[in-house]
Every structure is written in C-alpha cells, then in structure tokens.
Amino acid sequence: MTVAEARQRHGIMPRLLRRERAAIYLDMSAATFDKLVKERLLPGPKKLCSLKVWDRDELDAFADHLPRDESLAPAAPSDWD
C-alpha cells in the first residue's frame, strides 16, 4: 500500500501541501495561487529539504480571515415585515 493509499484509507488530510495541492485545497488555479503568494495575500511556503510546502493550518487561517461579501448577505428583517 502506498502512502497516498494509506492516507486515503484512514481519511488523513496531509498537513503540508505542495503548490498544486495547496491551490486545489483553496479551489483556485495554480496561476491565481502563485499571484496571491507573490502579492503576499497568501502565506508563503515553508521549506522542507528541497521542497516548498504550504501549511494547511496557515491556509485555513487565511480563509477564516477573508471578509464576507455583505452584498450577498440576506437583508435584516425590518419592523415593517
């Protein structure tokens, strides 16, 4: 059994993600991911030997702190309703 098969079998999500998986995790293209990293809107990579990896917890924190699109929020009930 490969590491990927074992991880999937046990339902384990890797903590460290390479660039393409990090982009997929955030549901964006690799080009958009690269642009956001370059603009320092996304956290930069960590170095693991010769690999560049992104910490899933840091990507989650980035997503947690994104502002909400208030234009799509349901209208608050008024006294007239």
PDB file of N, CA and C in Angstrom:
ATOM      1  N   MET A   1       0.848  -1.176   0.000  1.00  0.00           N
ATOM      2  CA  MET A   1       0.000   0.000   0.000  1.00  0.00           C
ATOM      3  C   MET A   1       0.896   1.243   0.000  1.00  0.00           C
ATOM      4  N   THR A   2       0.567   2.189  -0.881  1.00  0.00           N
ATOM      5  CA  THR A   2       1.352   3.423  -0.934  1.00  0.00           C
ATOM      6  C   THR A   2       0.940   4.356   0.199  1.00  0.00           C
ATOM      7  N   VAL A   3       1.747   5.377   0.417  1.00  0.00           N
ATOM      8  CA  VAL A   3       1.438   6.366   1.446  1.00  0.00           C
ATOM      9  C   VAL A   3       0.116   7.051   1.118  1.00  0.00           C
ATOM     10  N   ALA A   4      -0.088   7.417  -0.154  1.00  0.00           N
ATOM     11  CA  ALA A   4      -1.326   8.086  -0.557  1.00  0.00           C
ATOM     12  C   ALA A   4      -2.533   7.186  -0.326  1.00  0.00           C
ATOM     13  N   GLU A   5      -2.391   5.902  -0.615  1.00  0.00           N
ATOM     14  CA  GLU A   5      -3.497   4.957  -0.394  1.00  0.00           C
ATOM     15  C   GLU A   5      -3.789   4.807   1.097  1.00  0.00           C
ATOM     16  N   ALA A   6      -2.760   4.719   1.906  1.00  0.00           N
ATOM     17  CA  ALA A   6      -2.944   4.601   3.357  1.00  0.00           C
ATOM     18  C   ALA A   6      -3.596   5.857   3.915  1.00  0.00           C
ATOM     19  N   ARG A   7      -3.146   7.018   3.442  1.00  0.00           N
ATOM     20  CA  ARG A   7      -3.716   8.282   3.895  1.00  0.00           C
ATOM     21  C   ARG A   7      -5.206   8.341   3.555  1.00  0.00           C
ATOM     22  N   GLN A   8      -5.550   7.949   2.331  1.00  0.00           N
ATOM     23  CA  GLN A   8      -6.950   7.969   1.903  1.00  0.00           C
ATOM     24  C   GLN A   8      -7.777   6.951   2.689  1.00  0.00           C
ATOM     25  N   ARG A   9      -7.218   5.790   2.911  1.00  0.00           N
ATOM     26  CA  ARG A   9      -7.929   4.733   3.633  1.00  0.00           C
ATOM     27  C   ARG A   9      -8.283   5.168   5.054  1.00  0.00           C
ATOM     28  N   HIS A  10      -7.381   5.903   5.681  1.00  0.00           N
ATOM     29  CA  HIS A  10      -7.582   6.341   7.059  1.00  0.00           C
ATOM     30  C   HIS A  10      -8.192   7.735   7.151  1.00  0.00           C
ATOM     31  N   GLY A  11      -8.482   8.353   6.004  1.00  0.00           N
ATOM     32  CA  GLY A  11      -9.102   9.671   5.993  1.00  0.00           C
ATOM     33  C   GLY A  11      -8.206  10.773   6.518  1.00  0.00           C
ATOM     34  N   ILE A  12      -6.919  10.675   6.253  1.00  0.00           N
ATOM     35  CA  ILE A  12      -5.965  11.661   6.753  1.00  0.00           C
ATOM     36  C   ILE A  12      -5.665  12.681   5.660  1.00  0.00           C
ATOM     37  N   MET A  13      -5.843  13.953   5.989  1.00  0.00           N
ATOM     38  CA  MET A  13      -5.501  15.041   5.080  1.00  0.00           C
ATOM     39  C   MET A  13      -4.096  15.498   5.436  1.00  0.00           C
ATOM     40  N   PRO A  14      -3.190  15.559   4.460  1.00  0.00           N
ATOM     41  CA  PRO A  14      -1.824  15.982   4.795  1.00  0.00           C
ATOM     42  C   PRO A  14      -1.778  17.407   5.322  1.00  0.00           C
ATOM     43  N   ARG A  15      -0.900  17.648   6.263  1.00  0.00           N
ATOM     44  CA  ARG A  15      -0.739  18.983   6.858  1.00  0.00           C
ATOM     45  C   ARG A  15       0.046  19.901   5.933  1.00  0.00           C
ATOM     46  N   LEU A  16       1.063  19.352   5.279  1.00  0.00           N
ATOM     47  CA  LEU A  16       1.901  20.132   4.375  1.00  0.00           C
ATOM     48  C   LEU A  16       1.528  19.807   2.942  1.00  0.00           C
ATOM     49  N   LEU A  17       1.279  20.852   2.162  1.00  0.00           N
ATOM     50  CA  LEU A  17       0.814  20.681   0.788  1.00  0.00           C
ATOM     51  C   LEU A  17       1.783  21.321  -0.181  1.00  0.00           C
ATOM     52  N   ARG A  18       2.066  20.630  -1.258  1.00  0.00           N
ATOM     53  CA  ARG A  18       2.853  21.241  -2.313  1.00  0.00           C
ATOM     54  C   ARG A  18       1.973  22.250  -3.042  1.00  0.00           C
ATOM     55  N   ARG A  19       2.579  23.065  -3.862  1.00  0.00           N
ATOM     56  CA  ARG A  19       1.927  24.193  -4.523  1.00  0.00           C
ATOM     57  C   ARG A  19       0.617  23.813  -5.205  1.00  0.00           C
ATOM     58  N   GLU A  20       0.624  22.809  -6.040  1.00  0.00           N
ATOM     59  CA  GLU A  20      -0.586  22.459  -6.795  1.00  0.00           C
ATOM     60  C   GLU A  20      -1.703  21.974  -5.870  1.00  0.00           C
ATOM     61  N   ARG A  21      -1.349  21.182  -4.859  1.00  0.00           N
ATOM     62  CA  ARG A  21      -2.365  20.710  -3.913  1.00  0.00           C
ATOM     63  C   ARG A  21      -2.883  21.849  -3.044  1.00  0.00           C
ATOM     64  N   ALA A  22      -2.002  22.787  -2.689  1.00  0.00           N
ATOM     65  CA  ALA A  22      -2.429  23.942  -1.903  1.00  0.00           C
ATOM     66  C   ALA A  22      -3.423  24.779  -2.705  1.00  0.00           C
ATOM     67  N   ALA A  23      -3.159  24.954  -3.994  1.00  0.00           N
ATOM     68  CA  ALA A  23      -4.084  25.699  -4.856  1.00  0.00           C
ATOM     69  C   ALA A  23      -5.422  24.962  -4.961  1.00  0.00           C
ATOM     70  N   ILE A  24      -5.375  23.665  -5.149  1.00  0.00           N
ATOM     71  CA  ILE A  24      -6.600  22.869  -5.227  1.00  0.00           C
ATOM     72  C   ILE A  24      -7.354  22.945  -3.909  1.00  0.00           C
ATOM     73  N   TYR A  25      -6.639  22.891  -2.792  1.00  0.00           N
ATOM     74  CA  TYR A  25      -7.262  22.968  -1.466  1.00  0.00           C
ATOM     75  C   TYR A  25      -8.061  24.258  -1.316  1.00  0.00           C
ATOM     76  N   LEU A  26      -7.538  25.357  -1.896  1.00  0.00           N
ATOM     77  CA  LEU A  26      -8.230  26.641  -1.839  1.00  0.00           C
ATOM     78  C   LEU A  26      -9.169  26.846  -3.028  1.00  0.00           C
ATOM     79  N   ASP A  27      -9.300  25.829  -3.873  1.00  0.00           N
ATOM     80  CA  ASP A  27     -10.203  25.840  -5.030  1.00  0.00           C
ATOM     81  C   ASP A  27      -9.890  26.983  -5.987  1.00  0.00           C
ATOM     82  N   MET A  28      -8.600  27.075  -6.352  1.00  0.00           N
ATOM     83  CA  MET A  28      -8.182  28.085  -7.318  1.00  0.00           C
ATOM     84  C   MET A  28      -7.112  27.497  -8.220  1.00  0.00           C
ATOM     85  N   SER A  29      -6.862  28.166  -9.319  1.00  0.00           N
ATOM     86  CA  SER A  29      -5.824  27.698 -10.234  1.00  0.00           C
ATOM     87  C   SER A  29      -4.448  27.933  -9.616  1.00  0.00           C
ATOM     88  N   ALA A  30      -3.474  27.195 -10.114  1.00  0.00           N
ATOM     89  CA  ALA A  30      -2.099  27.365  -9.639  1.00  0.00           C
ATOM     90  C   ALA A  30      -1.599  28.769  -9.979  1.00  0.00           C
ATOM     91  N   ALA A  31      -2.011  29.312 -11.129  1.00  0.00           N
ATOM     92  CA  ALA A  31      -1.591  30.661 -11.523  1.00  0.00           C
ATOM     93  C   ALA A  31      -2.142  31.711 -10.553  1.00  0.00           C
ATOM     94  N   THR A  32      -3.409  31.576 -10.165  1.00  0.00           N
ATOM     95  CA  THR A  32      -4.001  32.503  -9.196  1.00  0.00           C
ATOM     96  C   THR A  32      -3.324  32.356  -7.847  1.00  0.00           C
ATOM     97  N   PHE A  33      -3.063  31.112  -7.445  1.00  0.00           N
ATOM     98  CA  PHE A  33      -2.365  30.853  -6.185  1.00  0.00           C
ATOM     99  C   PHE A  33      -1.004  31.541  -6.187  1.00  0.00           C
ATOM    100  N   ASP A  34      -0.243  31.362  -7.268  1.00  0.00           N
ATOM    101  CA  ASP A  34       1.080  31.988  -7.381  1.00  0.00           C
ATOM    102  C   ASP A  34       0.984  33.510  -7.284  1.00  0.00           C
ATOM    103  N   LYS A  35      -0.020  34.080  -7.948  1.00  0.00           N
ATOM    104  CA  LYS A  35      -0.211  35.537  -7.931  1.00  0.00           C
ATOM    105  C   LYS A  35      -0.487  36.021  -6.510  1.00  0.00           C
ATOM    106  N   LEU A  36      -1.351  35.333  -5.784  1.00  0.00           N
ATOM    107  CA  LEU A  36      -1.690  35.739  -4.418  1.00  0.00           C
ATOM    108  C   LEU A  36      -0.510  35.576  -3.460  1.00  0.00           C
ATOM    109  N   VAL A  37       0.307  34.552  -3.686  1.00  0.00           N
ATOM    110  CA  VAL A  37       1.519  34.371  -2.866  1.00  0.00           C
ATOM    111  C   VAL A  37       2.493  35.505  -3.174  1.00  0.00           C
ATOM    112  N   LYS A  38       2.670  35.807  -4.458  1.00  0.00           N
ATOM    113  CA  LYS A  38       3.597  36.878  -4.859  1.00  0.00           C
ATOM    114  C   LYS A  38       3.160  38.221  -4.287  1.00  0.00           C
ATOM    115  N   GLU A  39       1.841  38.457  -4.252  1.00  0.00           N
ATOM    116  CA  GLU A  39       1.302  39.707  -3.711  1.00  0.00           C
ATOM    117  C   GLU A  39       1.231  39.687  -2.180  1.00  0.00           C
ATOM    118  N   ARG A  40       1.678  38.591  -1.574  1.00  0.00           N
ATOM    119  CA  ARG A  40       1.690  38.395  -0.119  1.00  0.00           C
ATOM    120  C   ARG A  40       0.298  38.415   0.507  1.00  0.00           C
ATOM    121  N   LEU A  41      -0.704  38.060  -0.302  1.00  0.00           N
ATOM    122  CA  LEU A  41      -2.058  37.911   0.231  1.00  0.00           C
ATOM    123  C   LEU A  41      -2.233  36.519   0.828  1.00  0.00           C
ATOM    124  N   LEU A  42      -1.518  35.564   0.278  1.00  0.00           N
ATOM    125  CA  LEU A  42      -1.474  34.200   0.817  1.00  0.00           C
ATOM    126  C   LEU A  42      -0.147  34.009   1.526  1.00  0.00           C
ATOM    127  N   PRO A  43      -0.121  33.138   2.537  1.00  0.00           N
ATOM    128  CA  PRO A  43       1.167  32.875   3.206  1.00  0.00           C
ATOM    129  C   PRO A  43       2.154  32.235   2.224  1.00  0.00           C
ATOM    130  N   GLY A  44       3.404  32.540   2.434  1.00  0.00           N
ATOM    131  CA  GLY A  44       4.448  31.956   1.602  1.00  0.00           C
ATOM    132  C   GLY A  44       4.729  30.518   2.017  1.00  0.00           C
ATOM    133  N   PRO A  45       5.534  29.842   1.221  1.00  0.00           N
ATOM    134  CA  PRO A  45       5.834  28.437   1.513  1.00  0.00           C
ATOM    135  C   PRO A  45       6.836  28.293   2.657  1.00  0.00           C
ATOM    136  N   LYS A  46       6.840  27.097   3.211  1.00  0.00           N
ATOM    137  CA  LYS A  46       7.881  26.682   4.145  1.00  0.00           C
ATOM    138  C   LYS A  46       8.826  25.792   3.355  1.00  0.00           C
ATOM    139  N   LYS A  47      10.011  25.613   3.872  1.00  0.00           N
ATOM    140  CA  LYS A  47      10.999  24.788   3.173  1.00  0.00           C
ATOM    141  C   LYS A  47      11.185  23.486   3.916  1.00  0.00           C
ATOM    142  N   LEU A  48      10.993  22.396   3.218  1.00  0.00           N
ATOM    143  CA  LEU A  48      11.205  21.058   3.753  1.00  0.00           C
ATOM    144  C   LEU A  48      12.232  20.391   2.848  1.00  0.00           C
ATOM    145  N   CYS A  49      13.488  20.386   3.308  1.00  0.00           N
ATOM    146  CA  CYS A  49      14.615  19.958   2.469  1.00  0.00           C
ATOM    147  C   CYS A  49      14.604  20.810   1.211  1.00  0.00           C
ATOM    148  N   SER A  50      14.433  20.195   0.053  1.00  0.00           N
ATOM    149  CA  SER A  50      14.420  20.980  -1.183  1.00  0.00           C
ATOM    150  C   SER A  50      12.998  21.309  -1.648  1.00  0.00           C
ATOM    151  N   LEU A  51      12.001  20.913  -0.866  1.00  0.00           N
ATOM    152  CA  LEU A  51      10.605  21.136  -1.256  1.00  0.00           C
ATOM    153  C   LEU A  51      10.071  22.443  -0.685  1.00  0.00           C
ATOM    154  N   LYS A  52       9.200  23.090  -1.440  1.00  0.00           N
ATOM    155  CA  LYS A  52       8.415  24.207  -0.934  1.00  0.00           C
ATOM    156  C   LYS A  52       7.047  23.640  -0.606  1.00  0.00           C
ATOM    157  N   VAL A  53       6.594  23.859   0.630  1.00  0.00           N
ATOM    158  CA  VAL A  53       5.305  23.329   1.066  1.00  0.00           C
ATOM    159  C   VAL A  53       4.530  24.418   1.805  1.00  0.00           C
ATOM    160  N   TRP A  54       3.215  24.305   1.744  1.00  0.00           N
ATOM    161  CA  TRP A  54       2.341  25.240   2.446  1.00  0.00           C
ATOM    162  C   TRP A  54       1.666  24.507   3.588  1.00  0.00           C
ATOM    163  N   ASP A  55       1.594  25.175   4.709  1.00  0.00           N
ATOM    164  CA  ASP A  55       0.980  24.627   5.911  1.00  0.00           C
ATOM    165  C   ASP A  55      -0.536  24.787   5.790  1.00  0.00           C
ATOM    166  N   ARG A  56      -1.263  23.696   5.841  1.00  0.00           N
ATOM    167  CA  ARG A  56      -2.718  23.705   5.701  1.00  0.00           C
ATOM    168  C   ARG A  56      -3.368  24.590   6.756  1.00  0.00           C
ATOM    169  N   ASP A  57      -2.824  24.593   7.974  1.00  0.00           N
ATOM    170  CA  ASP A  57      -3.385  25.437   9.033  1.00  0.00           C
ATOM    171  C   ASP A  57      -3.265  26.928   8.686  1.00  0.00           C
ATOM    172  N   GLU A  58      -2.157  27.318   8.057  1.00  0.00           N
ATOM    173  CA  GLU A  58      -1.992  28.710   7.645  1.00  0.00           C
ATOM    174  C   GLU A  58      -2.959  29.060   6.515  1.00  0.00           C
ATOM    175  N   LEU A  59      -3.198  28.110   5.613  1.00  0.00           N
ATOM    176  CA  LEU A  59      -4.172  28.342   4.538  1.00  0.00           C
ATOM    177  C   LEU A  59      -5.580  28.463   5.115  1.00  0.00           C
ATOM    178  N   ASP A  60      -5.882  27.649   6.124  1.00  0.00           N
ATOM    179  CA  ASP A  60      -7.187  27.747   6.796  1.00  0.00           C
ATOM    180  C   ASP A  60      -7.330  29.114   7.472  1.00  0.00           C
ATOM    181  N   ALA A  61      -6.273  29.572   8.132  1.00  0.00           N
ATOM    182  CA  ALA A  61      -6.324  30.876   8.810  1.00  0.00           C
ATOM    183  C   ALA A  61      -6.548  31.992   7.796  1.00  0.00           C
ATOM    184  N   PHE A  62      -5.903  31.890   6.643  1.00  0.00           N
ATOM    185  CA  PHE A  62      -6.117  32.869   5.572  1.00  0.00           C
ATOM    186  C   PHE A  62      -7.594  32.890   5.186  1.00  0.00           C
ATOM    187  N   ALA A  63      -8.177  31.717   4.949  1.00  0.00           N
ATOM    188  CA  ALA A  63      -9.581  31.635   4.550  1.00  0.00           C
ATOM    189  C   ALA A  63     -10.506  32.131   5.663  1.00  0.00           C
ATOM    190  N   ASP A  64     -10.166  31.825   6.906  1.00  0.00           N
ATOM    191  CA  ASP A  64     -11.002  32.252   8.040  1.00  0.00           C
ATOM    192  C   ASP A  64     -11.072  33.774   8.153  1.00  0.00           C
ATOM    193  N   HIS A  65     -10.028  34.464   7.722  1.00  0.00           N
ATOM    194  CA  HIS A  65      -9.977  35.912   7.894  1.00  0.00           C
ATOM    195  C   HIS A  65     -10.389  36.700   6.657  1.00  0.00           C
ATOM    196  N   LEU A  66     -10.856  36.006   5.622  1.00  0.00           N
ATOM    197  CA  LEU A  66     -11.352  36.731   4.451  1.00  0.00           C
ATOM    198  C   LEU A  66     -12.629  37.482   4.820  1.00  0.00           C
ATOM    199  N   PRO A  67     -12.798  38.693   4.301  1.00  0.00           N
ATOM    200  CA  PRO A  67     -14.034  39.421   4.603  1.00  0.00           C
ATOM    201  C   PRO A  67     -15.221  38.781   3.886  1.00  0.00           C
ATOM    202  N   ARG A  68     -16.374  38.903   4.480  1.00  0.00           N
ATOM    203  CA  ARG A  68     -17.599  38.403   3.858  1.00  0.00           C
ATOM    204  C   ARG A  68     -18.068  39.400   2.804  1.00  0.00           C
ATOM    205  N   ASP A  69     -18.733  38.909   1.782  1.00  0.00           N
ATOM    206  CA  ASP A  69     -19.330  39.752   0.762  1.00  0.00           C
ATOM    207  C   ASP A  69     -20.711  40.153   1.266  1.00  0.00           C
ATOM    208  N   GLU A  70     -20.779  41.306   1.889  1.00  0.00           N
ATOM    209  CA  GLU A  70     -22.019  41.767   2.514  1.00  0.00           C
ATOM    210  C   GLU A  70     -23.116  42.030   1.488  1.00  0.00           C
ATOM    211  N   SER A  71     -22.736  42.222   0.222  1.00  0.00           N
ATOM    212  CA  SER A  71     -23.764  42.463  -0.794  1.00  0.00           C
ATOM    213  C   SER A  71     -24.613  41.212  -1.026  1.00  0.00           C
ATOM    214  N   LEU A  72     -24.120  40.066  -0.604  1.00  0.00           N
ATOM    215  CA  LEU A  72     -24.851  38.809  -0.776  1.00  0.00           C
ATOM    216  C   LEU A  72     -25.547  38.361   0.499  1.00  0.00           C
ATOM    217  N   ALA A  73     -25.362  39.121   1.577  1.00  0.00           N
ATOM    218  CA  ALA A  73     -25.973  38.754   2.864  1.00  0.00           C
ATOM    219  C   ALA A  73     -27.475  38.984   2.791  1.00  0.00           C
ATOM    220  N   PRO A  74     -28.251  38.134   3.439  1.00  0.00           N
ATOM    221  CA  PRO A  74     -29.689  38.364   3.439  1.00  0.00           C
ATOM    222  C   PRO A  74     -30.012  39.660   4.179  1.00  0.00           C
ATOM    223  N   ALA A  75     -31.040  40.312   3.703  1.00  0.00           N
ATOM    224  CA  ALA A  75     -31.443  41.573   4.325  1.00  0.00           C
ATOM    225  C   ALA A  75     -31.942  41.315   5.734  1.00  0.00           C
ATOM    226  N   ALA A  76     -31.599  42.225   6.622  1.00  0.00           N
ATOM    227  CA  ALA A  76     -32.068  42.108   8.003  1.00  0.00           C
ATOM    228  C   ALA A  76     -33.570  42.394   8.046  1.00  0.00           C
ATOM    229  N   PRO A  77     -34.295  41.658   8.845  1.00  0.00           N
ATOM    230  CA  PRO A  77     -35.741  41.927   8.928  1.00  0.00           C
ATOM    231  C   PRO A  77     -35.990  43.320   9.498  1.00  0.00           C
ATOM    232  N   SER A  78     -36.966  43.968   8.969  1.00  0.00           N
ATOM    233  CA  SER A  78     -37.289  45.307   9.464  1.00  0.00           C
ATOM    234  C   SER A  78     -38.561  45.258  10.307  1.00  0.00           C
ATOM    235  N   ASP A  79     -38.859  46.357  10.952  1.00  0.00           N
ATOM    236  CA  ASP A  79     -40.076  46.444  11.744  1.00  0.00           C
ATOM    237  C   ASP A  79     -41.319  46.384  10.870  1.00  0.00           C
ATOM    238  N   TRP A  80     -41.147  46.629   9.585  1.00  0.00           N
ATOM    239  CA  TRP A  80     -42.284  46.658   8.657  1.00  0.00           C
ATOM    240  C   TRP A  80     -42.699  45.262   8.216  1.00  0.00           C
ATOM    241  N   ASP A  81     -41.842  44.267   8.446  1.00  0.00           N
ATOM    242  CA  ASP A  81     -42.169  42.890   7.995  1.00  0.00           C
ATOM    243  C   ASP A  81     -43.115  42.209   8.951  1.00  0.00           C
TER     244      ASP A  81
END
